[in-house]
């Protein structure tokens, strides 16, 4: 498929047809890796990095889903 490169601010932009975006798993606002391989522009979809918030995770613990203590081996240092 032949496409045209357009100016977007101080950069260049390339419109990606929906069928190509779907097959390459590209989503609007999604992260991509851009590189040059043998003189060709390569754009690859990448998995977003998930950042966890401890307070949010802890807020999901309830009396119904909390588990008991886990049996482990005897203490080997000053754990207690």
Protein backbone atom coordinates (compact mmCIF):
# COMPACT_ATOMS: atom_id res chain seq x y z
CA UNK A 1 0.00 0.00 0.00
CA UNK A 2 1.30 3.45 -0.87
CA UNK A 3 0.59 6.22 1.66
CA UNK A 4 1.58 9.86 2.06
CA UNK A 5 3.60 11.43 4.84
CA UNK A 6 2.12 14.67 6.22
CA UNK A 7 3.54 17.45 8.38
CA UNK A 8 2.35 17.54 12.00
CA UNK A 9 3.89 20.49 13.84
CA UNK A 10 7.67 20.11 13.53
CA UNK A 11 7.32 16.37 12.93
CA UNK A 12 6.02 14.10 10.21
CA UNK A 13 2.94 11.89 10.50
CA UNK A 14 1.77 8.79 8.71
CA UNK A 15 -1.89 7.79 8.73
CA UNK A 16 -2.22 4.06 9.47
CA UNK A 17 -5.24 2.34 7.89
CA UNK A 18 -7.62 0.71 10.39
CA UNK A 19 -7.00 -2.80 9.01
CA UNK A 20 -3.23 -2.39 9.50
CA UNK A 21 -3.68 -0.94 12.99
CA UNK A 22 -5.94 -3.81 14.02
CA UNK A 23 -3.58 -6.49 12.71
CA UNK A 24 -0.57 -4.81 14.37
CA UNK A 25 -2.56 -4.35 17.61
CA UNK A 26 -2.09 -0.58 17.54
CA UNK A 27 -4.49 1.55 19.57
CA UNK A 28 -4.91 5.30 19.77
CA UNK A 29 -2.68 6.53 22.60
CA UNK A 30 -1.05 3.11 22.95
CA UNK A 31 2.73 2.75 23.31
CA UNK A 32 4.81 1.77 20.28
CA UNK A 33 8.47 1.07 19.65
CA UNK A 34 9.86 2.94 16.63
CA UNK A 35 13.14 1.87 15.05
CA UNK A 36 15.03 1.85 11.77
CA UNK A 37 15.93 -1.63 10.46
CA UNK A 38 17.97 -1.83 7.25
CA UNK A 39 16.80 1.67 6.31
CA UNK A 40 13.11 0.89 6.87
CA UNK A 41 10.90 2.49 9.51
CA UNK A 42 9.53 -0.22 11.82
CA UNK A 43 6.68 0.51 14.25
CA UNK A 44 5.77 -2.19 16.76
CA UNK A 45 3.06 -2.24 19.38
CA UNK A 46 4.40 -2.82 22.90
CA UNK A 47 2.65 -3.93 26.05
CA UNK A 48 2.05 -0.99 28.36
CA UNK A 49 3.94 -1.06 31.65
CA UNK A 50 1.47 -1.62 34.47
CA UNK A 51 2.14 0.49 37.53
CA UNK A 52 0.52 -0.68 40.74
CA UNK A 53 -0.53 1.59 43.58
CA UNK A 54 -0.11 -0.09 46.98
CA UNK A 55 -2.96 1.87 48.56
CA UNK A 56 -5.34 0.82 45.78
CA UNK A 57 -4.26 -2.82 46.07
CA UNK A 58 -4.64 -2.82 49.85
CA UNK A 59 -8.07 -1.21 49.63
CA UNK A 60 -9.25 -4.33 47.78
CA UNK A 61 -8.58 -6.56 50.80
CA UNK A 62 -11.74 -7.43 52.72
CA UNK A 63 -12.67 -9.82 55.51
CA UNK A 64 -14.08 -12.13 52.82
CA UNK A 65 -10.95 -12.38 50.66
CA UNK A 66 -8.09 -12.07 53.15
CA UNK A 67 -6.13 -15.28 53.62
CA UNK A 68 -4.61 -16.62 56.80
CA UNK A 69 -0.97 -16.98 57.67
CA UNK A 70 1.23 -19.11 55.45
CA UNK A 71 3.26 -21.88 57.05
CA UNK A 72 6.96 -21.54 56.32
CA UNK A 73 10.13 -23.04 57.72
CA UNK A 74 11.54 -22.11 61.10
CA UNK A 75 13.16 -18.72 61.60
CA UNK A 76 16.84 -18.64 60.68
CA UNK A 77 17.70 -15.14 61.83
CA UNK A 78 16.15 -12.34 63.84
CA UNK A 79 12.77 -12.37 62.07
CA UNK A 80 10.90 -12.13 65.37
